[in-house]
Amino acid sequence: MARKNLLAGLTEPKLTAVNSDPARPSANRAPGLPFAGRGAVGAVTRSIDDLASKANAAKELEARLTSGQVIVELDPASIDASFIADRMARDDEEYRALRDSIAQGGQDSPILVRPHPATPGRFQVAFGHRRLRAAAELARPVRAVVRPLSDRELVLAQGQENSARANLSFIERARFAHRLEQGGYDRETIMLALSADKTTVSRLITVIERIPPGVIEAIGPAPAIGRDRWVELAAAFQKQPLPDLERRLASAAFQVGSSDDRFEQALAWFSAPPAKAAAGEGEGARREREPVRAWTHSSGTRVMKVASTERATTLTIDRRSAPGFDAFLLEQMEALYSQFLARAQPGRRGKKSS
């Protein structure tokens, strides 16, 4: 019976001495400020509160799964990934921050593993894949709780922990849902694993079914691309097949950008001129558009994308990673262009005199 109820009630609110009245208004809300929850400030506040709530929910979920269990240290090389992958390969700032935190302060939360069902002496991770990867890269043992789990219990723990953290991109959630269905799990199990309703699960799986697998792999996790954009891309593939798809995916122009950039390029393929018209314009026209380039600061922040043709260059500043830089650049434009003219003028005079 204990095994049967292993994951029961994971998403139910848990009342403690400091959380005994969930309906009580927050003490931090100041009286006499009726507009504090409205407008841009209110939206930012709600967003921060939502992220904090999800982080707390994930920690509580992990604590409830690992409570009362002995935490052991295992060799990362003895632990295999889950039999159903959820994450796509990425080495983003969030992961690097996690690895640096573990390197400096140690691993706070244990991962959850089970004895490997097919290989004695080995283990299989239910959740904590990134902590496992960080421990392996840092060449140190990983703190883990070992618990016997059935396949269904493992995917429920894996999916619900990721849903609580909300750190999977839309397409990663969609692939996880599709792989669960391909593995023979019913919709009820998939809904529980993703903490999603029936309609959401159907949309996730439909997107995966309509976009060629090679395109999804080539694009990657696209963390900034949400449901609506992926649905738009899925609908485009359903309506209009693309010629020479493999060549497009292998081109340097496609591969040079970030995962989000690659999504934008793939979506733009459907609004590009027909291939026949482009072929008739000659080799020079095909060379006119240069590959989109990303400009990254030495700190690792990707500040802008640079797209060039023979006639123009477009700078697209990422306002999420570099807020306010666009206004700063415009303020400095007079001085920058004057410097440019000062450098370019000698060369121009030399050309005129020759």
Protein backbone atom coordinates (compact mmCIF):
# COMPACT_ATOMS: atom_id res chain seq x y z
CA MET A 1 0.00 0.00 0.00
CA ALA A 2 2.84 2.37 0.77
CA ARG A 3 4.22 1.84 -2.70
CA LYS A 4 0.83 2.47 -4.29
CA ASN A 5 0.45 5.84 -2.58
CA LEU A 6 4.05 6.88 -3.12
CA LEU A 7 3.18 9.87 -5.27
CA ALA A 8 -0.33 10.55 -4.00
CA GLY A 9 -1.20 14.13 -3.14
CA LEU A 10 2.02 15.66 -4.45
CA THR A 11 0.27 18.72 -5.75
CA GLU A 12 -2.07 19.28 -2.80
CA PRO A 13 -1.31 22.28 -0.56
CA LYS A 14 0.49 21.37 2.61
CA LEU A 15 -0.37 23.27 5.79
CA THR A 16 2.35 23.87 8.32
CA ALA A 17 2.80 26.08 11.38
CA VAL A 18 3.74 28.96 9.12
CA ASN A 19 1.24 28.15 6.39
CA SER A 20 -1.95 27.36 8.22
CA ASP A 21 -4.26 29.84 6.51
CA PRO A 22 -3.78 30.00 2.72
CA ALA A 23 -6.66 32.47 2.34
CA ARG A 24 -5.09 35.12 4.58
CA PRO A 25 -4.00 38.27 2.67
CA SER A 26 -0.30 38.89 2.42
CA ALA A 27 1.13 41.00 5.22
CA ASN A 28 3.43 42.66 2.73
CA ARG A 29 0.56 44.41 0.93
CA ALA A 30 0.49 47.96 2.18
CA PRO A 31 -2.94 49.49 2.93
CA GLY A 32 -3.99 52.56 1.03
CA LEU A 33 -2.28 51.49 -2.24
CA PRO A 34 -5.22 50.34 -4.36
CA PHE A 35 -3.28 50.49 -7.63
CA ALA A 36 -0.22 48.45 -6.53
CA GLY A 37 -1.43 45.38 -8.39
CA ARG A 38 -2.22 47.19 -11.63
CA GLY A 39 -0.23 48.20 -14.69
CA ALA A 40 3.39 47.29 -15.50
CA VAL A 41 4.54 47.35 -11.87
CA GLY A 42 1.75 45.02 -10.87
CA ALA A 43 2.55 42.66 -13.76
CA VAL A 44 6.21 42.49 -12.78
CA THR A 45 5.26 41.89 -9.14
CA ARG A 46 2.87 39.12 -10.08
CA SER A 47 5.51 37.54 -12.34
CA ILE A 48 8.11 37.54 -9.57
CA ASP A 49 5.60 36.16 -7.08
CA ASP A 50 4.65 33.43 -9.55
CA LEU A 51 8.27 32.38 -10.08
CA ALA A 52 8.89 32.32 -6.34
CA SER A 53 5.75 30.25 -5.83
CA LYS A 54 6.85 27.72 -8.45
CA ALA A 55 10.32 27.45 -6.94
CA ASN A 56 8.84 26.87 -3.48
CA ALA A 57 6.44 24.28 -4.88
CA ALA A 58 9.32 22.40 -6.51
CA LYS A 59 11.32 22.39 -3.29
CA GLU A 60 8.31 21.15 -1.33
CA LEU A 61 7.65 18.44 -3.91
CA GLU A 62 11.24 17.21 -3.70
CA ALA A 63 11.16 17.33 0.09
CA ARG A 64 8.01 15.22 0.20
CA LEU A 65 9.45 12.66 -2.23
CA THR A 66 12.73 12.35 -0.35
CA SER A 67 11.46 12.82 3.23
CA GLY A 68 12.39 10.10 5.70
CA GLN A 69 14.95 8.63 3.34
CA VAL A 70 18.70 8.29 3.83
CA ILE A 71 20.75 10.61 1.63
CA VAL A 72 23.77 8.86 0.14
CA GLU A 73 26.63 9.97 -2.07
CA LEU A 74 26.89 8.18 -5.41
CA ASP A 75 29.37 8.22 -8.26
CA PRO A 76 27.67 10.11 -11.12
CA ALA A 77 29.13 7.54 -13.53
CA SER A 78 26.94 4.86 -11.91
CA ILE A 79 23.69 6.72 -12.66
CA ASP A 80 21.85 6.57 -15.98
CA ALA A 81 19.34 9.09 -17.30
CA SER A 82 15.62 8.45 -17.15
CA PHE A 83 14.32 6.06 -19.81
CA ILE A 84 12.16 8.93 -21.14
CA ALA A 85 14.16 12.09 -21.84
CA ASP A 86 12.60 15.45 -21.06
CA ARG A 87 15.34 18.01 -21.65
CA MET A 88 17.06 18.87 -24.89
CA ALA A 89 20.79 19.51 -24.74
CA ARG A 90 21.64 23.06 -23.72
CA ASP A 91 24.40 24.87 -21.88
CA ASP A 92 22.62 28.07 -20.90
CA GLU A 93 23.29 30.67 -18.23
CA GLU A 94 20.81 29.06 -15.85
CA TYR A 95 22.68 25.75 -15.91
CA ARG A 96 26.07 27.44 -15.56
CA ALA A 97 24.77 29.35 -12.53
CA LEU A 98 23.60 26.06 -10.97
CA ARG A 99 26.97 24.41 -11.59
CA ASP A 100 28.84 27.39 -10.13
CA SER A 101 26.58 27.37 -7.08
CA ILE A 102 27.26 23.67 -6.47
CA ALA A 103 30.98 24.23 -6.98
CA GLN A 104 31.06 27.02 -4.39
CA GLY A 105 28.48 25.97 -1.80
CA GLY A 106 27.79 22.31 -2.43
CA GLN A 107 24.60 20.54 -3.51
CA ASP A 108 21.65 21.66 -1.38
CA SER A 109 18.92 19.28 -2.56
CA PRO A 110 19.44 15.56 -3.27
CA ILE A 111 18.38 14.01 -6.53
CA LEU A 112 15.97 11.06 -6.66
CA VAL A 113 17.12 7.80 -8.22
CA ARG A 114 15.95 4.20 -8.31
CA PRO A 115 17.95 0.97 -8.57
CA HIS A 116 18.37 0.29 -12.28
CA PRO A 117 15.68 -2.21 -13.31
CA ALA A 118 17.95 -4.03 -15.77
CA THR A 119 21.54 -3.52 -14.55
CA PRO A 120 22.49 -4.54 -11.00
CA GLY A 121 24.71 -2.05 -9.20
CA ARG A 122 23.57 0.89 -11.32
CA PHE A 123 20.88 3.52 -10.80
CA GLN A 124 18.42 5.53 -12.90
CA VAL A 125 17.55 9.14 -12.15
CA ALA A 126 13.95 10.28 -11.68
CA PHE A 127 14.71 13.97 -11.21
CA GLY A 128 17.82 16.05 -10.78
CA HIS A 129 19.39 15.52 -14.21
CA ARG A 130 21.10 18.92 -14.17
CA ARG A 131 22.47 18.42 -10.65
CA LEU A 132 23.76 15.02 -11.78
CA ARG A 133 25.42 16.58 -14.82
CA ALA A 134 26.99 19.33 -12.71
CA ALA A 135 28.40 16.81 -10.23
CA ALA A 136 29.88 14.80 -13.10
CA GLU A 137 31.51 17.88 -14.62
CA LEU A 138 32.85 18.92 -11.20
CA ALA A 139 34.17 15.37 -10.61
CA ARG A 140 32.43 15.02 -7.26
CA PRO A 141 29.85 12.60 -5.82
CA VAL A 142 26.19 13.48 -6.17
CA ARG A 143 23.90 13.49 -3.12
CA ALA A 144 20.93 11.24 -3.83
CA VAL A 145 17.98 9.40 -2.32
CA VAL A 146 17.60 5.84 -3.60
CA ARG A 147 14.00 4.70 -3.76
CA PRO A 148 12.32 1.73 -5.51
CA LEU A 149 10.04 3.16 -8.19
CA SER A 150 7.97 1.58 -10.92
CA ASP A 151 8.22 3.03 -14.42
CA ARG A 152 4.96 4.94 -13.89
CA GLU A 153 6.07 6.29 -10.54
CA LEU A 154 9.36 7.45 -12.04
CA VAL A 155 7.79 9.39 -14.91
CA LEU A 156 5.24 10.96 -12.54
CA ALA A 157 8.00 12.14 -10.21
CA GLN A 158 10.09 13.34 -13.16
CA GLY A 159 7.25 15.21 -14.83
CA GLN A 160 5.75 16.77 -11.73
CA GLU A 161 9.11 18.00 -10.45
CA ASN A 162 9.78 19.69 -13.79
CA SER A 163 6.25 21.12 -13.92
CA ALA A 164 6.67 22.56 -10.43
CA ARG A 165 9.94 24.21 -11.39
CA ALA A 166 8.51 25.40 -14.75
CA ASN A 167 12.00 25.33 -16.26
CA LEU A 168 11.24 23.19 -19.29
CA SER A 169 10.52 25.05 -22.50
CA PHE A 170 7.25 24.46 -24.34
CA ILE A 171 8.79 22.12 -26.91
CA GLU A 172 10.57 20.10 -24.21
CA ARG A 173 7.23 19.59 -22.43
CA ALA A 174 5.65 18.65 -25.75
CA ARG A 175 8.33 16.07 -26.54
CA PHE A 176 8.04 14.60 -23.03
CA ALA A 177 4.26 14.26 -23.42
CA HIS A 178 4.63 12.66 -26.85
CA ARG A 179 7.28 10.22 -25.65
CA LEU A 180 5.08 9.18 -22.74
CA GLU A 181 2.23 8.47 -25.16
CA GLN A 182 4.57 6.57 -27.48
CA GLY A 183 5.66 4.57 -24.44
CA GLY A 184 2.11 3.36 -23.90
CA TYR A 185 1.07 5.65 -21.03
CA ASP A 186 -2.54 6.78 -21.00
CA ARG A 187 -3.62 10.41 -21.09
CA GLU A 188 -4.45 10.43 -17.38
CA THR A 189 -0.84 9.54 -16.52
CA ILE A 190 0.48 12.17 -18.94
CA MET A 191 -1.83 14.79 -17.44
CA LEU A 192 -0.61 13.93 -13.93
CA ALA A 193 3.04 13.95 -14.99
CA LEU A 194 2.76 17.39 -16.60
CA SER A 195 0.21 18.84 -14.15
CA ALA A 196 -1.81 19.77 -17.24
CA ASP A 197 -5.39 19.36 -18.38
CA LYS A 198 -6.57 17.21 -21.29
CA THR A 199 -6.69 20.09 -23.79
CA THR A 200 -3.15 21.22 -23.01
CA VAL A 201 -1.78 17.69 -23.37
CA SER A 202 -3.55 17.32 -26.74
CA ARG A 203 -1.98 20.55 -28.00
CA LEU A 204 1.47 19.49 -26.84
CA ILE A 205 1.27 16.17 -28.65
CA THR A 206 -0.27 17.67 -31.81
CA VAL A 207 2.64 20.10 -32.21
CA ILE A 208 5.14 17.23 -32.08
CA GLU A 209 3.15 15.19 -34.58
CA ARG A 210 2.97 18.02 -37.15
CA ILE A 211 6.57 19.29 -37.13
CA PRO A 212 9.24 16.98 -38.62
CA PRO A 213 11.40 15.49 -35.83
CA GLY A 214 14.59 16.66 -37.56
CA VAL A 215 13.37 20.27 -37.43
CA ILE A 216 12.67 20.09 -33.70
CA GLU A 217 16.08 18.55 -33.01
CA ALA A 218 17.81 21.17 -35.16
CA ILE A 219 15.98 24.08 -33.50
CA GLY A 220 16.56 22.87 -29.95
CA PRO A 221 14.73 23.91 -26.75
CA ALA A 222 14.02 27.53 -27.84
CA PRO A 223 13.39 28.68 -24.24
CA ALA A 224 11.89 32.05 -25.23
CA ILE A 225 9.40 30.58 -27.71
CA GLY A 226 5.98 29.85 -26.24
CA ARG A 227 3.01 27.73 -27.20
CA ASP A 228 1.39 30.04 -29.74
CA ARG A 229 4.54 30.38 -31.88
CA TRP A 230 5.10 26.61 -31.93
CA VAL A 231 1.45 26.06 -32.85
CA GLU A 232 1.95 28.57 -35.69
CA LEU A 233 4.99 26.65 -36.96
CA ALA A 234 3.13 23.34 -36.71
CA ALA A 235 0.23 24.73 -38.73
CA ALA A 236 2.65 26.07 -41.36
CA PHE A 237 4.27 22.66 -41.82
CA GLN A 238 0.86 21.05 -42.11
CA LYS A 239 -0.24 23.44 -44.87
CA GLN A 240 2.97 23.86 -46.86
CA PRO A 241 5.74 21.29 -47.33
CA LEU A 242 9.22 22.78 -47.60
CA PRO A 243 11.58 21.84 -50.42
CA ASP A 244 15.23 20.96 -49.64
CA LEU A 245 14.52 20.87 -45.90
CA GLU A 246 17.74 19.00 -45.06
CA ARG A 247 19.85 21.59 -46.88
CA ARG A 248 18.15 24.41 -44.99
CA LEU A 249 18.77 22.72 -41.63
CA ALA A 250 22.43 22.06 -42.45
CA SER A 251 23.18 25.58 -43.72
CA ALA A 252 25.56 27.82 -41.81
CA ALA A 253 22.95 30.59 -41.84
CA PHE A 254 20.63 28.35 -39.82
CA GLN A 255 23.14 26.85 -37.42
CA VAL A 256 25.01 30.01 -36.45
CA GLY A 257 22.25 31.48 -34.27
CA SER A 258 20.88 30.58 -30.86
CA SER A 259 18.04 28.09 -30.45
CA ASP A 260 15.50 30.94 -30.42
CA ASP A 261 17.10 32.40 -33.57
CA ARG A 262 16.84 29.03 -35.33
CA PHE A 263 13.13 28.89 -34.53
CA GLU A 264 12.63 32.35 -36.01
CA GLN A 265 14.47 31.32 -39.17
CA ALA A 266 12.41 28.14 -39.52
CA LEU A 267 9.17 30.11 -39.20
CA ALA A 268 10.46 32.70 -41.68
CA TRP A 269 10.98 30.00 -44.32
CA PHE A 270 7.23 29.95 -44.89
CA SER A 271 7.06 33.67 -45.67
CA ALA A 272 10.14 33.67 -47.95
CA PRO A 273 9.75 33.98 -51.76
CA PRO A 274 9.20 30.68 -53.61
CA ALA A 275 12.36 28.73 -54.37
CA LYS A 276 11.73 28.98 -58.13
CA ALA A 277 11.78 32.79 -58.07
CA ALA A 278 14.91 32.86 -55.95
CA ALA A 279 16.67 30.45 -58.32
CA GLY A 280 15.94 32.70 -61.28
CA GLU A 281 17.66 35.66 -59.71
CA GLY A 282 21.11 34.17 -60.16
CA GLU A 283 24.02 33.29 -57.92
CA GLY A 284 24.60 36.90 -56.85
CA ALA A 285 21.13 37.21 -55.40
CA ARG A 286 21.62 34.04 -53.32
CA ARG A 287 24.74 35.61 -51.83
CA GLU A 288 23.00 38.87 -51.03
CA ARG A 289 21.80 37.95 -47.52
CA GLU A 290 24.55 37.11 -45.06
CA PRO A 291 24.01 34.67 -42.17
CA VAL A 292 22.46 36.19 -39.05
CA ARG A 293 25.17 36.75 -36.46
CA ALA A 294 24.90 37.08 -32.70
CA TRP A 295 27.01 39.67 -30.82
CA THR A 296 27.90 38.51 -27.32
CA HIS A 297 29.62 40.58 -24.64
CA SER A 298 32.73 39.19 -22.95
CA SER A 299 30.58 38.57 -19.85
CA GLY A 300 28.61 35.97 -21.82
CA THR A 301 25.49 38.11 -22.31
CA ARG A 302 24.08 37.83 -25.84
CA VAL A 303 23.20 41.45 -26.54
CA MET A 304 22.06 41.59 -30.15
CA LYS A 305 21.61 39.88 -33.50
CA VAL A 306 23.13 41.32 -36.67
CA ALA A 307 21.49 40.67 -40.05
CA SER A 308 23.09 42.10 -43.20
CA THR A 309 22.27 42.36 -46.88
CA GLU A 310 24.04 44.29 -49.64
CA ARG A 311 21.83 47.30 -48.90
CA ALA A 312 21.37 47.35 -45.12
CA THR A 313 22.43 45.98 -41.76
CA THR A 314 19.85 45.44 -39.02
CA LEU A 315 20.79 45.30 -35.33
CA THR A 316 18.22 43.60 -33.12
CA ILE A 317 18.87 44.28 -29.44
CA ASP A 318 17.63 41.70 -26.94
CA ARG A 319 15.76 43.89 -24.44
CA ARG A 320 15.46 41.03 -21.98
CA SER A 321 19.19 40.40 -21.61
CA ALA A 322 20.24 44.04 -22.16
CA PRO A 323 17.40 46.25 -20.90
CA GLY A 324 17.93 49.94 -21.64
CA PHE A 325 20.86 49.38 -23.99
CA ASP A 326 18.83 50.50 -27.00
CA ALA A 327 18.17 53.92 -25.47
CA PHE A 328 21.79 54.21 -24.35
CA LEU A 329 23.01 53.40 -27.86
CA LEU A 330 20.81 56.08 -29.39
CA GLU A 331 22.17 58.64 -26.90
CA GLN A 332 25.72 57.76 -27.94
CA MET A 333 24.98 57.64 -31.68
CA GLU A 334 26.15 61.20 -32.45
CA ALA A 335 29.54 60.61 -30.83
CA LEU A 336 29.94 57.14 -32.36
CA TYR A 337 29.14 58.29 -35.87
CA SER A 338 31.49 61.26 -35.50
CA GLN A 339 34.26 58.85 -34.51
CA PHE A 340 33.42 56.72 -37.52
CA LEU A 341 33.63 59.71 -39.86
CA ALA A 342 36.97 60.73 -38.37
CA ARG A 343 38.39 57.29 -39.10
CA ALA A 344 36.81 56.93 -42.52
CA GLN A 345 37.70 60.42 -43.83
CA PRO A 346 41.44 59.83 -44.50
CA GLY A 347 40.65 56.76 -46.53
CA ARG A 348 38.05 58.64 -48.57
CA ARG A 349 40.46 61.50 -49.31
CA GLY A 350 43.06 59.00 -50.41
CA LYS A 351 40.66 57.41 -52.85
CA LYS A 352 39.71 60.79 -54.37
CA SER A 353 43.32 61.87 -54.95
CA SER A 354 44.36 58.63 -56.64
